[in-house]
Amino acid sequence: DAILRTGNEAAVLVAAGDRAQRRLVTTGLADADSVEIVSGVEPGELVITRGQAGLADGAAITVAQTRP
């Protein structure tokens, strides 16, 4: 759900501080539920998975903290 496709390009939005940052990604293996991302994001980066379709690159965001 996080991957935004435009033509042959695949991208995701990551939380970079208080801004959304668009990143081009390279995808790998895929099935009905999951897609492997082989480059474009680093371990530990927060990928925006909901509401990103209408979110512009550089848009102000707030990262919600989940409670255990």
PDB file of N, CA and C in Angstrom:
ATOM      1  N   ASP A   1       0.810  -1.208   0.000  1.00  0.00           N
ATOM      2  CA  ASP A   1       0.000   0.000   0.000  1.00  0.00           C
ATOM      3  C   ASP A   1       0.847   1.263   0.000  1.00  0.00           C
ATOM      4  N   ALA A   2       2.076   1.166   0.455  1.00  0.00           N
ATOM      5  CA  ALA A   2       2.928   2.352   0.576  1.00  0.00           C
ATOM      6  C   ALA A   2       3.515   2.808  -0.753  1.00  0.00           C
ATOM      7  N   ILE A   3       3.565   1.926  -1.732  1.00  0.00           N
ATOM      8  CA  ILE A   3       4.230   2.247  -2.993  1.00  0.00           C
ATOM      9  C   ILE A   3       3.318   3.073  -3.899  1.00  0.00           C
ATOM     10  N   LEU A   4       3.869   4.180  -4.379  1.00  0.00           N
ATOM     11  CA  LEU A   4       3.168   5.047  -5.329  1.00  0.00           C
ATOM     12  C   LEU A   4       3.794   4.806  -6.692  1.00  0.00           C
ATOM     13  N   ARG A   5       2.982   4.458  -7.673  1.00  0.00           N
ATOM     14  CA  ARG A   5       3.504   4.167  -9.010  1.00  0.00           C
ATOM     15  C   ARG A   5       3.075   5.249  -9.988  1.00  0.00           C
ATOM     16  N   THR A   6       4.045   5.713 -10.771  1.00  0.00           N
ATOM     17  CA  THR A   6       3.804   6.671 -11.841  1.00  0.00           C
ATOM     18  C   THR A   6       4.544   6.140 -13.060  1.00  0.00           C
ATOM     19  N   GLY A   7       3.807   5.630 -14.033  1.00  0.00           N
ATOM     20  CA  GLY A   7       4.457   5.010 -15.183  1.00  0.00           C
ATOM     21  C   GLY A   7       5.295   3.835 -14.717  1.00  0.00           C
ATOM     22  N   ASN A   8       6.577   3.846 -15.062  1.00  0.00           N
ATOM     23  CA  ASN A   8       7.485   2.771 -14.653  1.00  0.00           C
ATOM     24  C   ASN A   8       8.205   3.071 -13.345  1.00  0.00           C
ATOM     25  N   GLU A   9       7.937   4.236 -12.745  1.00  0.00           N
ATOM     26  CA  GLU A   9       8.595   4.614 -11.495  1.00  0.00           C
ATOM     27  C   GLU A   9       7.806   4.133 -10.282  1.00  0.00           C
ATOM     28  N   ALA A  10       8.543   3.691  -9.282  1.00  0.00           N
ATOM     29  CA  ALA A  10       7.949   3.341  -7.995  1.00  0.00           C
ATOM     30  C   ALA A  10       8.585   4.236  -6.949  1.00  0.00           C
ATOM     31  N   ALA A  11       7.763   4.772  -6.047  1.00  0.00           N
ATOM     32  CA  ALA A  11       8.266   5.656  -5.004  1.00  0.00           C
ATOM     33  C   ALA A  11       7.497   5.410  -3.717  1.00  0.00           C
ATOM     34  N   VAL A  12       8.098   5.826  -2.622  1.00  0.00           N
ATOM     35  CA  VAL A  12       7.419   5.842  -1.325  1.00  0.00           C
ATOM     36  C   VAL A  12       7.662   7.212  -0.716  1.00  0.00           C
ATOM     37  N   LEU A  13       6.872   7.546   0.287  1.00  0.00           N
ATOM     38  CA  LEU A  13       7.110   8.752   1.069  1.00  0.00           C
ATOM     39  C   LEU A  13       7.625   8.319   2.428  1.00  0.00           C
ATOM     40  N   VAL A  14       8.707   8.938   2.862  1.00  0.00           N
ATOM     41  CA  VAL A  14       9.252   8.654   4.180  1.00  0.00           C
ATOM     42  C   VAL A  14       9.113   9.896   5.052  1.00  0.00           C
ATOM     43  N   ALA A  15       9.053   9.677   6.350  1.00  0.00           N
ATOM     44  CA  ALA A  15       9.006  10.777   7.312  1.00  0.00           C
ATOM     45  C   ALA A  15      10.439  11.249   7.543  1.00  0.00           C
ATOM     46  N   ALA A  16      10.722  12.473   7.108  1.00  0.00           N
ATOM     47  CA  ALA A  16      12.038  13.078   7.298  1.00  0.00           C
ATOM     48  C   ALA A  16      11.847  14.270   8.223  1.00  0.00           C
ATOM     49  N   GLY A  17      11.931  14.004   9.513  1.00  0.00           N
ATOM     50  CA  GLY A  17      11.626  15.050  10.486  1.00  0.00           C
ATOM     51  C   GLY A  17      10.146  15.363  10.443  1.00  0.00           C
ATOM     52  N   ASP A  18       9.818  16.617  10.167  1.00  0.00           N
ATOM     53  CA  ASP A  18       8.407  17.021  10.122  1.00  0.00           C
ATOM     54  C   ASP A  18       7.913  17.199   8.685  1.00  0.00           C
ATOM     55  N   ARG A  19       8.588  16.567   7.738  1.00  0.00           N
ATOM     56  CA  ARG A  19       8.225  16.659   6.317  1.00  0.00           C
ATOM     57  C   ARG A  19       8.153  15.268   5.683  1.00  0.00           C
ATOM     58  N   ALA A  20       7.295  15.157   4.676  1.00  0.00           N
ATOM     59  CA  ALA A  20       7.236  13.941   3.865  1.00  0.00           C
ATOM     60  C   ALA A  20       8.266  14.089   2.751  1.00  0.00           C
ATOM     61  N   GLN A  21       9.032  13.044   2.521  1.00  0.00           N
ATOM     62  CA  GLN A  21      10.057  13.092   1.483  1.00  0.00           C
ATOM     63  C   GLN A  21       9.837  11.931   0.513  1.00  0.00           C
ATOM     64  N   ARG A  22       9.662  12.259  -0.768  1.00  0.00           N
ATOM     65  CA  ARG A  22       9.439  11.242  -1.797  1.00  0.00           C
ATOM     66  C   ARG A  22      10.762  10.596  -2.150  1.00  0.00           C
ATOM     67  N   ARG A  23      10.768   9.257  -2.189  1.00  0.00           N
ATOM     68  CA  ARG A  23      11.962   8.511  -2.546  1.00  0.00           C
ATOM     69  C   ARG A  23      11.649   7.522  -3.656  1.00  0.00           C
ATOM     70  N   LEU A  24      12.424   7.558  -4.718  1.00  0.00           N
ATOM     71  CA  LEU A  24      12.304   6.527  -5.735  1.00  0.00           C
ATOM     72  C   LEU A  24      12.866   5.239  -5.162  1.00  0.00           C
ATOM     73  N   VAL A  25      12.191   4.134  -5.408  1.00  0.00           N
ATOM     74  CA  VAL A  25      12.621   2.843  -4.893  1.00  0.00           C
ATOM     75  C   VAL A  25      12.714   1.836  -6.033  1.00  0.00           C
ATOM     76  N   THR A  26      13.518   0.831  -5.814  1.00  0.00           N
ATOM     77  CA  THR A  26      13.601  -0.310  -6.717  1.00  0.00           C
ATOM     78  C   THR A  26      12.932  -1.471  -6.019  1.00  0.00           C
ATOM     79  N   THR A  27      11.974  -2.087  -6.691  1.00  0.00           N
ATOM     80  CA  THR A  27      11.253  -3.206  -6.090  1.00  0.00           C
ATOM     81  C   THR A  27      11.819  -4.529  -6.579  1.00  0.00           C
ATOM     82  N   GLY A  28      11.576  -5.563  -5.769  1.00  0.00           N
ATOM     83  CA  GLY A  28      12.044  -6.907  -6.102  1.00  0.00           C
ATOM     84  C   GLY A  28      10.874  -7.865  -6.146  1.00  0.00           C
ATOM     85  N   LEU A  29      10.976  -8.906  -5.354  1.00  0.00           N
ATOM     86  CA  LEU A  29       9.941  -9.929  -5.317  1.00  0.00           C
ATOM     87  C   LEU A  29       8.629  -9.353  -4.805  1.00  0.00           C
ATOM     88  N   ALA A  30       7.518  -9.880  -5.319  1.00  0.00           N
ATOM     89  CA  ALA A  30       6.203  -9.403  -4.898  1.00  0.00           C
ATOM     90  C   ALA A  30       5.216 -10.565  -4.910  1.00  0.00           C
ATOM     91  N   ASP A  31       4.246 -10.488  -4.005  1.00  0.00           N
ATOM     92  CA  ASP A  31       3.110 -11.404  -4.031  1.00  0.00           C
ATOM     93  C   ASP A  31       1.857 -10.572  -3.801  1.00  0.00           C
ATOM     94  N   ALA A  32       0.751 -11.204  -3.511  1.00  0.00           N
ATOM     95  CA  ALA A  32      -0.514 -10.477  -3.369  1.00  0.00           C
ATOM     96  C   ALA A  32      -0.515  -9.509  -2.187  1.00  0.00           C
ATOM     97  N   ASP A  33       0.319  -9.750  -1.173  1.00  0.00           N
ATOM     98  CA  ASP A  33       0.294  -8.943   0.046  1.00  0.00           C
ATOM     99  C   ASP A  33       1.527  -8.083   0.282  1.00  0.00           C
ATOM    100  N   SER A  34       2.650  -8.417  -0.335  1.00  0.00           N
ATOM    101  CA  SER A  34       3.909  -7.755  -0.004  1.00  0.00           C
ATOM    102  C   SER A  34       4.737  -7.461  -1.246  1.00  0.00           C
ATOM    103  N   VAL A  35       5.574  -6.419  -1.140  1.00  0.00           N
ATOM    104  CA  VAL A  35       6.523  -6.077  -2.186  1.00  0.00           C
ATOM    105  C   VAL A  35       7.869  -5.831  -1.522  1.00  0.00           C
ATOM    106  N   GLU A  36       8.902  -6.458  -2.030  1.00  0.00           N
ATOM    107  CA  GLU A  36      10.256  -6.250  -1.537  1.00  0.00           C
ATOM    108  C   GLU A  36      10.795  -4.941  -2.113  1.00  0.00           C
ATOM    109  N   ILE A  37      11.394  -4.127  -1.267  1.00  0.00           N
ATOM    110  CA  ILE A  37      12.078  -2.914  -1.723  1.00  0.00           C
ATOM    111  C   ILE A  37      13.564  -3.168  -1.558  1.00  0.00           C
ATOM    112  N   VAL A  38      14.267  -3.180  -2.680  1.00  0.00           N
ATOM    113  CA  VAL A  38      15.688  -3.530  -2.650  1.00  0.00           C
ATOM    114  C   VAL A  38      16.600  -2.310  -2.561  1.00  0.00           C
ATOM    115  N   SER A  39      16.096  -1.116  -2.901  1.00  0.00           N
ATOM    116  CA  SER A  39      16.888   0.100  -2.708  1.00  0.00           C
ATOM    117  C   SER A  39      15.961   1.310  -2.668  1.00  0.00           C
ATOM    118  N   GLY A  40      16.456   2.368  -2.039  1.00  0.00           N
ATOM    119  CA  GLY A  40      15.703   3.610  -1.974  1.00  0.00           C
ATOM    120  C   GLY A  40      15.345   4.046  -0.572  1.00  0.00           C
ATOM    121  N   VAL A  41      15.297   3.107   0.367  1.00  0.00           N
ATOM    122  CA  VAL A  41      15.077   3.432   1.777  1.00  0.00           C
ATOM    123  C   VAL A  41      16.098   2.670   2.612  1.00  0.00           C
ATOM    124  N   GLU A  42      16.388   3.211   3.762  1.00  0.00           N
ATOM    125  CA  GLU A  42      17.356   2.604   4.672  1.00  0.00           C
ATOM    126  C   GLU A  42      16.638   1.966   5.858  1.00  0.00           C
ATOM    127  N   PRO A  43      17.238   0.938   6.459  1.00  0.00           N
ATOM    128  CA  PRO A  43      16.639   0.341   7.652  1.00  0.00           C
ATOM    129  C   PRO A  43      16.398   1.400   8.724  1.00  0.00           C
ATOM    130  N   GLY A  44      15.232   1.347   9.342  1.00  0.00           N
ATOM    131  CA  GLY A  44      14.890   2.278  10.409  1.00  0.00           C
ATOM    132  C   GLY A  44      14.150   3.519   9.952  1.00  0.00           C
ATOM    133  N   GLU A  45      14.145   3.815   8.648  1.00  0.00           N
ATOM    134  CA  GLU A  45      13.393   4.971   8.166  1.00  0.00           C
ATOM    135  C   GLU A  45      11.905   4.670   8.239  1.00  0.00           C
ATOM    136  N   LEU A  46      11.121   5.693   8.548  1.00  0.00           N
ATOM    137  CA  LEU A  46       9.677   5.536   8.665  1.00  0.00           C
ATOM    138  C   LEU A  46       9.024   5.781   7.310  1.00  0.00           C
ATOM    139  N   VAL A  47       8.406   4.731   6.764  1.00  0.00           N
ATOM    140  CA  VAL A  47       7.702   4.825   5.489  1.00  0.00           C
ATOM    141  C   VAL A  47       6.237   5.123   5.785  1.00  0.00           C
ATOM    142  N   ILE A  48       5.689   6.118   5.115  1.00  0.00           N
ATOM    143  CA  ILE A  48       4.290   6.504   5.305  1.00  0.00           C
ATOM    144  C   ILE A  48       3.425   5.506   4.547  1.00  0.00           C
ATOM    145  N   THR A  49       2.523   4.849   5.273  1.00  0.00           N
ATOM    146  CA  THR A  49       1.734   3.765   4.679  1.00  0.00           C
ATOM    147  C   THR A  49       0.251   4.073   4.560  1.00  0.00           C
ATOM    148  N   ARG A  50      -0.202   5.182   5.136  1.00  0.00           N
ATOM    149  CA  ARG A  50      -1.617   5.554   5.027  1.00  0.00           C
ATOM    150  C   ARG A  50      -1.732   7.041   4.729  1.00  0.00           C
ATOM    151  N   GLY A  51      -2.598   7.364   3.776  1.00  0.00           N
ATOM    152  CA  GLY A  51      -2.835   8.758   3.444  1.00  0.00           C
ATOM    153  C   GLY A  51      -1.796   9.367   2.537  1.00  0.00           C
ATOM    154  N   GLN A  52      -0.854   8.579   2.061  1.00  0.00           N
ATOM    155  CA  GLN A  52       0.234   9.119   1.256  1.00  0.00           C
ATOM    156  C   GLN A  52      -0.175   9.452  -0.174  1.00  0.00           C
ATOM    157  N   ALA A  53      -1.267   8.902  -0.677  1.00  0.00           N
ATOM    158  CA  ALA A  53      -1.658   9.139  -2.069  1.00  0.00           C
ATOM    159  C   ALA A  53      -1.914  10.618  -2.341  1.00  0.00           C
ATOM    160  N   GLY A  54      -2.421  11.359  -1.380  1.00  0.00           N
ATOM    161  CA  GLY A  54      -2.691  12.779  -1.579  1.00  0.00           C
ATOM    162  C   GLY A  54      -1.648  13.683  -0.947  1.00  0.00           C
ATOM    163  N   LEU A  55      -0.542  13.110  -0.513  1.00  0.00           N
ATOM    164  CA  LEU A  55       0.480  13.865   0.206  1.00  0.00           C
ATOM    165  C   LEU A  55       1.599  14.269  -0.750  1.00  0.00           C
ATOM    166  N   ALA A  56       1.931  15.551  -0.781  1.00  0.00           N
ATOM    167  CA  ALA A  56       2.968  16.048  -1.686  1.00  0.00           C
ATOM    168  C   ALA A  56       4.353  15.901  -1.065  1.00  0.00           C
ATOM    169  N   ASP A  57       5.356  15.784  -1.921  1.00  0.00           N
ATOM    170  CA  ASP A  57       6.747  15.776  -1.473  1.00  0.00           C
ATOM    171  C   ASP A  57       7.018  17.087  -0.748  1.00  0.00           C
ATOM    172  N   GLY A  58       7.543  17.016   0.457  1.00  0.00           N
ATOM    173  CA  GLY A  58       7.839  18.205   1.243  1.00  0.00           C
ATOM    174  C   GLY A  58       6.706  18.687   2.131  1.00  0.00           C
ATOM    175  N   ALA A  59       5.553  18.000   2.077  1.00  0.00           N
ATOM    176  CA  ALA A  59       4.408  18.403   2.896  1.00  0.00           C
ATOM    177  C   ALA A  59       4.722  18.242   4.385  1.00  0.00           C
ATOM    178  N   ALA A  60       4.184  19.139   5.186  1.00  0.00           N
ATOM    179  CA  ALA A  60       4.350  19.048   6.638  1.00  0.00           C
ATOM    180  C   ALA A  60       3.563  17.850   7.154  1.00  0.00           C
ATOM    181  N   ILE A  61       4.185  17.089   8.066  1.00  0.00           N
ATOM    182  CA  ILE A  61       3.532  15.917   8.662  1.00  0.00           C
ATOM    183  C   ILE A  61       3.774  15.890  10.168  1.00  0.00           C
ATOM    184  N   THR A  62       2.973  15.095  10.829  1.00  0.00           N
ATOM    185  CA  THR A  62       3.182  14.784  12.240  1.00  0.00           C
ATOM    186  C   THR A  62       3.223  13.279  12.363  1.00  0.00           C
ATOM    187  N   VAL A  63       4.254  12.764  13.001  1.00  0.00           N
ATOM    188  CA  VAL A  63       4.387  11.329  13.183  1.00  0.00           C
ATOM    189  C   VAL A  63       3.685  10.947  14.464  1.00  0.00           C
ATOM    190  N   ALA A  64       2.683  10.076  14.350  1.00  0.00           N
ATOM    191  CA  ALA A  64       1.932   9.615  15.524  1.00  0.00           C
ATOM    192  C   ALA A  64       2.736   8.520  16.221  1.00  0.00           C
ATOM    193  N   GLN A  65       2.825   8.606  17.502  1.00  0.00           N
ATOM    194  CA  GLN A  65       3.520   7.592  18.288  1.00  0.00           C
ATOM    195  C   GLN A  65       2.491   6.563  18.747  1.00  0.00           C
ATOM    196  N   THR A  66       2.838   5.285  18.577  1.00  0.00           N
ATOM    197  CA  THR A  66       1.961   4.214  19.055  1.00  0.00           C
ATOM    198  C   THR A  66       2.398   3.818  20.459  1.00  0.00           C
ATOM    199  N   ARG A  67       1.436   3.406  21.231  1.00  0.00           N
ATOM    200  CA  ARG A  67       1.717   2.986  22.598  1.00  0.00           C
ATOM    201  C   ARG A  67       1.757   1.476  22.670  1.00  0.00           C
ATOM    202  N   PRO A  68       2.693   0.928  23.445  1.00  0.00           N
ATOM    203  CA  PRO A  68       2.784  -0.537  23.572  1.00  0.00           C
ATOM    204  C   PRO A  68       1.592  -1.155  24.245  1.00  0.00           C
TER     205      PRO A  68
END
